[in-house]
Amino acid sequence: MFSDVDFHHEQYLNARVIEMLIGVPKEIKPDEYRVALTPAGAEMLAEAGHDLLIERGAGLGSGFGDDFYENAGATVLDTADEIWARAEMILKVKEPIKPEWPKMRSGQVIFTYFHFAASEELTRAVLDSGAIAIAYETVELDTGELPLLTPMSEVAGRMAVQEGAKYLEKPQGGLGVLLGGVPGVKPGRVLILGGGVVGTNAAKMASGLGASVVIMDINLERLRYLDDVMPANVETLFSTRYAIREQVQEADLIIGAVLIPGAKAPNLITKKDLSFMQEGAVICDVAIDQGGCVETMQPTTHNDPVYTVDGIIHYAVANMPGGVPRTSTLALTNATLPYAIELANNGWEKACYDDQALRLGVSIVNGNVTHQGVADAFGMECRLVEQFVGVSARP
């Protein structure tokens, strides 16, 4: 019936040991149009014996009407309050915002992007609630890959170039530079800080437009890989303070693509560095979800995405993929659904006991921080998640 999830689901149905009441509220963060579960995912969870509660209108921004969910076996409810009050596990896209904090409750599993290190207030709210917070962004495979962050990083990296190119236009306050140039005119210069998934996808887009691209990173192995696979108009450069300060002077567009999983992003560009840049240059900081890698960056929204500091345009939308929800929802749920089924089939304790990658996503349990990056960000005590995956979870 639905075709947006490309794997066989019988393995998950056969593994079911419990039934769970799962809730999907509508996202209420400004300009957020994604939804945490597609009708295809709802159908699979329902077939596995779980009950689904979907808030009315939750999928409309991504192109899924309420009737799609009802046909998939879900129950559509009128208010988020009903869903938060009844569901054992909440599936979301973005972190709970202030109006949702009182709705969180002790023992409830919340599976979403949290980016705790960027907000002590959110961290303390979840701690006080007693909920179990499992963060998409820190689920990590043995290879170091972040499978639930990767699809949105791919979207954000590509969008960063698209948005940056727009704000370089003179009517938007930019330099008036066309990134790809034209015959007889030099192309624009794009500086990308970080050679991970965001940086790689940004480089693909920028180089495809014909821009002159520099990717900076501190991982030489990654730089060697990028040097092998990127086209001739992409250069790689080892990242140092001196090199960054030199490169910002010539850059038309700078893309912040730095990630330390679960921890706050470091400030790589200071306020003083802005004085070396060309007036009308653009900085797009994809790392804003983790606090940003530019000292002068503050989160913005799709409705009001930019502001100017010392003549430099700052773009810092904290939910960039939310601007293209039809693409983003499918990309995200293709990755998150297997883990959601695992949590529902086995309960969070057994699921996390059996799956180390999922266990690394557990950031807060019953008022305790269980992720070192979050604890370090705010000087809090960190307890091992294994202390909470108790005997009842073991085979």
Protein backbone atom coordinates (compact mmCIF):
# COMPACT_ATOMS: atom_id res chain seq x y z
CA MET A 1 0.00 0.00 0.00
CA PHE A 2 2.78 2.42 0.91
CA SER A 3 6.26 2.33 -0.57
CA ASP A 4 8.38 4.86 1.34
CA VAL A 5 10.12 2.27 3.56
CA ASP A 6 12.45 0.01 1.67
CA PHE A 7 12.93 -3.07 3.83
CA HIS A 8 11.09 -6.27 4.75
CA HIS A 9 9.24 -5.95 8.02
CA GLU A 10 8.47 -9.59 8.84
CA GLN A 11 11.60 -9.80 10.99
CA TYR A 12 10.19 -7.10 13.27
CA LEU A 13 6.75 -8.69 13.49
CA ASN A 14 8.22 -12.02 14.53
CA ALA A 15 10.31 -10.38 17.27
CA ARG A 16 7.35 -8.83 19.13
CA VAL A 17 7.23 -9.63 22.85
CA ILE A 18 5.08 -6.75 24.18
CA GLU A 19 2.38 -4.39 22.99
CA MET A 20 2.85 -0.65 23.32
CA LEU A 21 0.69 2.46 23.03
CA ILE A 22 2.59 4.87 20.77
CA GLY A 23 1.77 8.54 20.32
CA VAL A 24 2.68 10.96 17.52
CA PRO A 25 1.82 14.59 18.35
CA LYS A 26 1.89 17.34 15.77
CA GLU A 27 5.15 19.28 15.72
CA ILE A 28 4.64 22.77 17.16
CA LYS A 29 8.10 24.29 16.78
CA PRO A 30 7.78 27.32 14.47
CA ASP A 31 7.87 26.43 10.78
CA GLU A 32 8.25 22.71 11.46
CA TYR A 33 6.24 20.64 8.97
CA ARG A 34 7.77 17.19 9.37
CA VAL A 35 6.05 14.31 11.13
CA ALA A 36 7.71 11.50 13.09
CA LEU A 37 5.78 8.63 11.50
CA THR A 38 4.48 8.03 7.97
CA PRO A 39 1.32 6.02 7.25
CA ALA A 40 3.60 3.18 6.10
CA GLY A 41 5.30 3.16 9.49
CA ALA A 42 1.95 3.32 11.27
CA GLU A 43 0.75 0.31 9.28
CA MET A 44 3.84 -1.71 10.23
CA LEU A 45 3.54 -0.88 13.92
CA ALA A 46 -0.17 -1.69 13.88
CA GLU A 47 0.50 -5.04 12.19
CA ALA A 48 2.99 -5.76 14.96
CA GLY A 49 0.17 -5.42 17.49
CA HIS A 50 0.84 -1.91 18.75
CA ASP A 51 -1.73 0.85 19.17
CA LEU A 52 -1.09 4.17 17.42
CA LEU A 53 -2.40 7.57 18.45
CA ILE A 54 -1.87 10.36 15.89
CA GLU A 55 -2.79 13.99 16.49
CA ARG A 56 -5.19 15.35 13.90
CA GLY A 57 -3.30 17.17 11.15
CA ALA A 58 0.12 15.90 12.25
CA GLY A 59 1.04 14.66 8.77
CA LEU A 60 -0.50 17.38 6.62
CA GLY A 61 2.71 19.38 6.26
CA SER A 62 4.42 16.31 4.80
CA GLY A 63 1.54 15.43 2.50
CA PHE A 64 -0.18 12.78 4.66
CA GLY A 65 -3.86 13.33 5.48
CA ASP A 66 -5.54 11.92 8.59
CA ASP A 67 -7.37 9.32 6.49
CA PHE A 68 -4.02 7.80 5.46
CA TYR A 69 -3.25 7.09 9.12
CA GLU A 70 -6.74 5.79 9.89
CA ASN A 71 -6.53 3.42 6.92
CA ALA A 72 -3.17 2.24 8.29
CA GLY A 73 -4.75 1.27 11.61
CA ALA A 74 -4.02 4.34 13.74
CA THR A 75 -6.47 6.31 15.87
CA VAL A 76 -6.58 10.04 15.12
CA LEU A 77 -7.15 12.24 18.19
CA ASP A 78 -8.03 15.92 18.32
CA THR A 79 -5.48 17.16 20.85
CA ALA A 80 -1.84 16.66 21.76
CA ASP A 81 -2.82 16.57 25.44
CA GLU A 82 -4.65 13.26 24.91
CA ILE A 83 -1.65 11.75 23.17
CA TRP A 84 0.93 12.86 25.75
CA ALA A 85 -1.32 11.68 28.60
CA ARG A 86 -1.96 8.20 27.18
CA ALA A 87 1.09 7.16 25.15
CA GLU A 88 3.83 4.98 26.62
CA MET A 89 6.21 6.12 23.89
CA ILE A 90 6.17 9.47 22.10
CA LEU A 91 7.65 9.71 18.60
CA LYS A 92 8.65 13.23 17.53
CA VAL A 93 10.95 15.00 15.11
CA LYS A 94 12.15 17.99 17.15
CA GLU A 95 12.83 18.37 20.85
CA PRO A 96 9.85 19.15 23.10
CA ILE A 97 9.46 22.92 23.45
CA LYS A 98 8.20 24.78 26.52
CA PRO A 99 4.44 24.21 26.05
CA GLU A 100 5.16 20.47 25.83
CA TRP A 101 7.36 20.22 28.91
CA PRO A 102 4.49 19.88 31.43
CA LYS A 103 3.07 17.04 29.31
CA MET A 104 6.15 14.81 29.70
CA ARG A 105 5.79 12.27 32.48
CA SER A 106 7.81 9.81 34.51
CA GLY A 107 8.56 6.53 32.74
CA GLN A 108 7.42 7.79 29.34
CA VAL A 109 9.83 7.09 26.47
CA ILE A 110 10.44 10.06 24.15
CA PHE A 111 12.25 9.22 20.91
CA THR A 112 13.26 12.32 18.93
CA TYR A 113 16.05 14.79 18.17
CA PHE A 114 16.95 16.47 21.47
CA HIS A 115 20.30 18.26 20.97
CA PHE A 116 20.50 18.63 24.76
CA ALA A 117 23.97 20.20 24.78
CA ALA A 118 22.52 23.33 23.14
CA SER A 119 19.95 23.95 25.92
CA GLU A 120 20.42 23.53 29.66
CA GLU A 121 16.80 24.60 30.20
CA LEU A 122 15.50 21.74 28.04
CA THR A 123 17.88 19.30 29.72
CA ARG A 124 16.63 20.23 33.19
CA ALA A 125 13.00 20.08 32.07
CA VAL A 126 13.43 16.50 30.85
CA LEU A 127 15.37 15.58 33.99
CA ASP A 128 12.56 16.95 36.16
CA SER A 129 9.91 15.04 34.18
CA GLY A 130 11.39 11.61 34.90
CA ALA A 131 10.98 10.63 31.24
CA ILE A 132 13.35 8.40 29.28
CA ALA A 133 14.92 10.50 26.51
CA ILE A 134 16.40 8.63 23.56
CA ALA A 135 18.04 11.05 21.14
CA TYR A 136 18.16 10.33 17.43
CA GLU A 137 21.40 12.27 17.06
CA THR A 138 23.48 10.09 19.40
CA VAL A 139 22.41 6.64 18.20
CA GLU A 140 25.77 5.43 16.92
CA LEU A 141 26.94 2.34 15.04
CA ASP A 142 30.23 0.52 15.67
CA THR A 143 31.64 2.29 12.62
CA GLY A 144 31.03 5.69 14.21
CA GLU A 145 28.17 6.42 11.79
CA LEU A 146 25.16 8.26 13.23
CA PRO A 147 22.37 6.55 11.26
CA LEU A 148 19.50 8.73 12.50
CA LEU A 149 21.38 12.00 12.07
CA THR A 150 22.77 11.18 8.63
CA PRO A 151 19.60 11.69 6.54
CA MET A 152 18.87 15.12 8.02
CA SER A 153 22.54 16.07 7.75
CA GLU A 154 22.36 15.20 4.06
CA VAL A 155 19.32 17.44 3.64
CA ALA A 156 20.78 20.29 5.72
CA GLY A 157 24.13 20.22 3.91
CA ARG A 158 22.43 20.55 0.54
CA MET A 159 20.00 23.18 1.78
CA ALA A 160 22.84 25.26 3.24
CA VAL A 161 24.20 25.93 -0.24
CA GLN A 162 20.73 26.57 -1.65
CA GLU A 163 19.92 29.09 1.10
CA GLY A 164 23.38 30.63 1.08
CA ALA A 165 23.20 31.21 -2.66
CA LYS A 166 19.87 33.01 -2.24
CA TYR A 167 21.15 35.36 0.46
CA LEU A 168 24.22 36.23 -1.58
CA GLU A 169 21.87 38.01 -3.98
CA LYS A 170 22.04 41.81 -3.70
CA PRO A 171 18.29 42.32 -3.02
CA GLN A 172 18.75 40.06 0.03
CA GLY A 173 21.63 42.19 1.29
CA GLY A 174 24.36 39.93 -0.03
CA LEU A 175 27.47 40.52 -2.09
CA GLY A 176 25.66 40.05 -5.37
CA VAL A 177 27.72 36.99 -6.29
CA LEU A 178 26.53 34.07 -8.43
CA LEU A 179 28.19 31.00 -6.92
CA GLY A 180 28.73 29.29 -10.25
CA GLY A 181 30.00 32.37 -12.06
CA VAL A 182 29.75 32.54 -15.85
CA PRO A 183 32.33 32.23 -18.64
CA GLY A 184 34.87 35.00 -18.19
CA VAL A 185 33.89 35.66 -14.54
CA LYS A 186 35.31 33.85 -11.52
CA PRO A 187 32.88 31.69 -9.54
CA GLY A 188 31.99 32.37 -5.94
CA ARG A 189 34.11 30.97 -3.11
CA VAL A 190 32.56 28.62 -0.56
CA LEU A 191 34.30 27.70 2.70
CA ILE A 192 33.01 24.61 4.51
CA LEU A 193 34.05 24.02 8.12
CA GLY A 194 33.82 20.28 8.72
CA GLY A 195 34.14 17.35 6.33
CA GLY A 196 31.45 15.06 7.73
CA VAL A 197 28.05 14.29 6.24
CA VAL A 198 26.86 17.92 6.25
CA GLY A 199 30.12 19.21 4.82
CA THR A 200 30.32 16.51 2.16
CA ASN A 201 26.79 17.18 0.94
CA ALA A 202 27.35 20.93 0.98
CA ALA A 203 30.49 20.43 -1.10
CA LYS A 204 28.61 18.27 -3.61
CA MET A 205 25.99 20.97 -4.09
CA ALA A 206 28.41 23.90 -4.20
CA SER A 207 30.82 22.20 -6.56
CA GLY A 208 27.93 21.09 -8.75
CA LEU A 209 26.94 24.74 -9.13
CA GLY A 210 30.49 25.48 -10.23
CA ALA A 211 31.69 27.30 -7.11
CA SER A 212 35.27 27.22 -5.88
CA VAL A 213 35.08 25.17 -2.67
CA VAL A 214 37.41 24.69 0.30
CA ILE A 215 36.62 22.02 2.93
CA MET A 216 38.45 22.26 6.26
CA ASP A 217 38.72 19.50 8.84
CA ILE A 218 41.13 18.26 11.52
CA ASN A 219 40.89 14.62 10.39
CA LEU A 220 43.57 13.95 7.81
CA GLU A 221 42.11 10.58 6.83
CA ARG A 222 38.80 12.27 6.07
CA LEU A 223 40.55 14.96 4.06
CA ARG A 224 42.39 12.31 2.04
CA TYR A 225 39.09 10.58 1.30
CA LEU A 226 37.42 13.84 0.25
CA ASP A 227 40.41 14.72 -1.92
CA ASP A 228 39.94 11.42 -3.75
CA VAL A 229 36.19 11.64 -4.34
CA MET A 230 35.51 15.34 -4.85
CA PRO A 231 35.77 17.12 -8.22
CA ALA A 232 38.66 19.39 -9.15
CA ASN A 233 36.95 22.58 -7.93
CA VAL A 234 37.01 21.29 -4.31
CA GLU A 235 40.19 21.78 -2.25
CA THR A 236 40.88 20.25 1.17
CA LEU A 237 42.69 22.10 3.93
CA PHE A 238 43.70 21.13 7.45
CA SER A 239 41.85 23.28 9.96
CA THR A 240 43.78 25.60 12.27
CA ARG A 241 42.90 29.00 13.70
CA TYR A 242 45.41 30.63 11.35
CA ALA A 243 44.02 28.82 8.30
CA ILE A 244 40.42 29.69 9.18
CA ARG A 245 41.28 33.35 9.70
CA GLU A 246 43.02 33.39 6.30
CA GLN A 247 40.19 31.62 4.46
CA VAL A 248 37.30 33.73 5.80
CA GLN A 249 38.80 36.81 4.16
CA GLU A 250 38.12 35.46 0.67
CA ALA A 251 34.95 33.44 1.26
CA ASP A 252 31.62 34.59 -0.17
CA LEU A 253 29.69 31.83 1.64
CA ILE A 254 30.77 30.01 4.79
CA ILE A 255 29.00 26.85 5.92
CA GLY A 256 29.40 25.65 9.51
CA ALA A 257 29.27 21.85 9.41
CA VAL A 258 30.97 20.88 12.67
CA LEU A 259 29.67 18.04 14.85
CA ILE A 260 30.84 16.52 18.12
CA PRO A 261 28.13 13.90 18.83
CA GLY A 262 26.02 14.89 21.82
CA ALA A 263 28.28 17.82 22.76
CA LYS A 264 28.25 21.55 22.10
CA ALA A 265 29.91 22.64 18.87
CA PRO A 266 33.15 24.61 19.26
CA ASN A 267 33.33 28.26 18.17
CA LEU A 268 35.57 28.26 15.10
CA ILE A 269 34.71 31.77 13.90
CA THR A 270 34.88 34.61 16.43
CA LYS A 271 33.26 38.03 16.33
CA LYS A 272 36.69 39.51 15.56
CA ASP A 273 36.97 37.27 12.49
CA LEU A 274 33.94 39.02 10.97
CA SER A 275 36.02 42.17 10.57
CA PHE A 276 38.26 40.33 8.09
CA MET A 277 35.34 39.23 5.90
CA GLN A 278 33.76 40.95 2.90
CA GLU A 279 30.67 42.97 3.70
CA GLY A 280 27.65 41.07 2.35
CA ALA A 281 29.23 37.64 2.76
CA VAL A 282 26.95 34.93 4.17
CA ILE A 283 27.48 32.44 7.01
CA CYS A 284 25.11 29.47 7.19
CA ASP A 285 25.65 27.60 10.47
CA VAL A 286 24.16 24.13 10.25
CA ALA A 287 25.75 23.37 13.64
CA ILE A 288 23.30 25.76 15.35
CA ASP A 289 21.33 22.76 16.67
CA GLN A 290 24.35 22.03 18.85
CA GLY A 291 25.01 25.64 19.83
CA GLY A 292 26.67 26.75 16.59
CA CYS A 293 30.30 27.04 15.53
CA VAL A 294 30.20 30.83 15.05
CA GLU A 295 30.41 33.07 18.12
CA THR A 296 27.83 35.55 16.82
CA MET A 297 25.21 32.94 15.80
CA GLN A 298 21.80 32.74 17.46
CA PRO A 299 19.01 30.37 16.33
CA THR A 300 16.56 31.75 13.78
CA THR A 301 13.42 30.40 12.07
CA HIS A 302 12.28 29.78 8.51
CA ASN A 303 9.92 32.73 8.92
CA ASP A 304 12.76 35.07 9.95
CA PRO A 305 15.93 33.25 8.90
CA VAL A 306 18.68 35.87 8.79
CA TYR A 307 20.17 38.82 10.60
CA THR A 308 23.31 40.88 10.06
CA VAL A 309 26.31 41.41 12.35
CA ASP A 310 29.12 43.74 11.23
CA GLY A 311 27.88 43.55 7.65
CA ILE A 312 27.88 39.74 7.55
CA ILE A 313 24.60 37.92 6.91
CA HIS A 314 23.94 35.17 9.48
CA TYR A 315 21.62 32.26 8.59
CA ALA A 316 20.94 30.02 11.59
CA VAL A 317 17.64 28.18 11.12
CA ALA A 318 17.68 25.42 13.72
CA ASN A 319 15.39 23.06 11.80
CA MET A 320 16.53 23.53 8.23
CA PRO A 321 15.15 20.20 6.91
CA GLY A 322 11.71 21.25 8.17
CA GLY A 323 11.56 23.58 5.19
CA VAL A 324 11.42 20.62 2.79
CA PRO A 325 9.18 18.23 4.76
CA ARG A 326 8.12 15.97 1.91
CA THR A 327 11.74 15.00 1.36
CA SER A 328 12.83 15.18 4.99
CA THR A 329 10.01 13.16 6.56
CA LEU A 330 10.56 10.22 4.23
CA ALA A 331 14.35 10.37 4.62
CA LEU A 332 14.10 10.57 8.41
CA THR A 333 11.48 7.87 8.97
CA ASN A 334 13.24 5.43 6.64
CA ALA A 335 16.06 5.57 9.20
CA THR A 336 14.15 5.87 12.49
CA LEU A 337 11.37 3.34 11.92
CA PRO A 338 13.43 0.15 12.50
CA TYR A 339 14.56 1.54 15.87
CA ALA A 340 11.03 2.62 16.78
CA ILE A 341 9.78 -0.89 16.04
CA GLU A 342 12.61 -2.33 18.12
CA LEU A 343 11.66 -0.13 21.08
CA ALA A 344 7.98 -0.95 20.72
CA ASN A 345 8.44 -4.69 20.29
CA ASN A 346 10.84 -5.18 23.18
CA GLY A 347 10.39 -2.19 25.50
CA TRP A 348 13.15 0.38 25.84
CA GLU A 349 15.20 -1.57 28.41
CA LYS A 350 15.51 -4.81 26.44
CA ALA A 351 15.86 -2.97 23.13
CA CYS A 352 18.76 -0.93 24.50
CA TYR A 353 20.29 -3.95 26.23
CA ASP A 354 20.31 -5.85 22.93
CA ASP A 355 21.35 -2.97 20.65
CA GLN A 356 24.45 -1.00 21.57
CA ALA A 357 23.78 1.64 18.92
CA LEU A 358 20.37 2.37 20.41
CA ARG A 359 21.81 2.30 23.92
CA LEU A 360 24.16 5.14 22.99
CA GLY A 361 21.11 7.22 22.15
CA VAL A 362 19.79 7.13 25.72
CA SER A 363 20.58 10.57 27.14
CA ILE A 364 18.36 10.85 30.23
CA VAL A 365 16.69 8.17 32.36
CA ASN A 366 14.42 8.86 35.32
CA GLY A 367 16.08 12.14 36.25
CA ASN A 368 19.65 11.05 35.50
CA VAL A 369 21.96 12.15 32.67
CA THR A 370 23.35 9.10 30.88
CA HIS A 371 25.28 10.73 28.02
CA GLN A 372 28.73 12.11 28.77
CA GLY A 373 28.53 14.92 26.21
CA VAL A 374 25.37 16.30 27.83
CA ALA A 375 26.85 16.01 31.31
CA ASP A 376 30.04 17.79 30.25
CA ALA A 377 28.10 20.64 28.64
CA PHE A 378 26.50 21.62 31.95
CA GLY A 379 28.85 20.19 34.59
CA MET A 380 26.40 17.47 35.59
CA GLU A 381 27.01 13.97 36.89
CA CYS A 382 26.81 11.24 34.27
CA ARG A 383 25.60 7.76 35.11
CA LEU A 384 26.10 4.74 32.89
CA VAL A 385 22.95 3.80 31.01
CA GLU A 386 23.79 0.16 31.76
CA GLN A 387 22.80 0.88 35.38
CA PHE A 388 19.22 1.39 34.20
CA VAL A 389 19.02 -1.44 31.69
CA GLY A 390 18.34 -3.85 34.51
CA VAL A 391 17.88 -7.54 35.05
CA SER A 392 14.35 -7.40 33.65
CA ALA A 393 15.77 -6.48 30.25
CA ARG A 394 18.16 -9.40 30.05
CA PRO A 395 17.39 -12.61 28.19
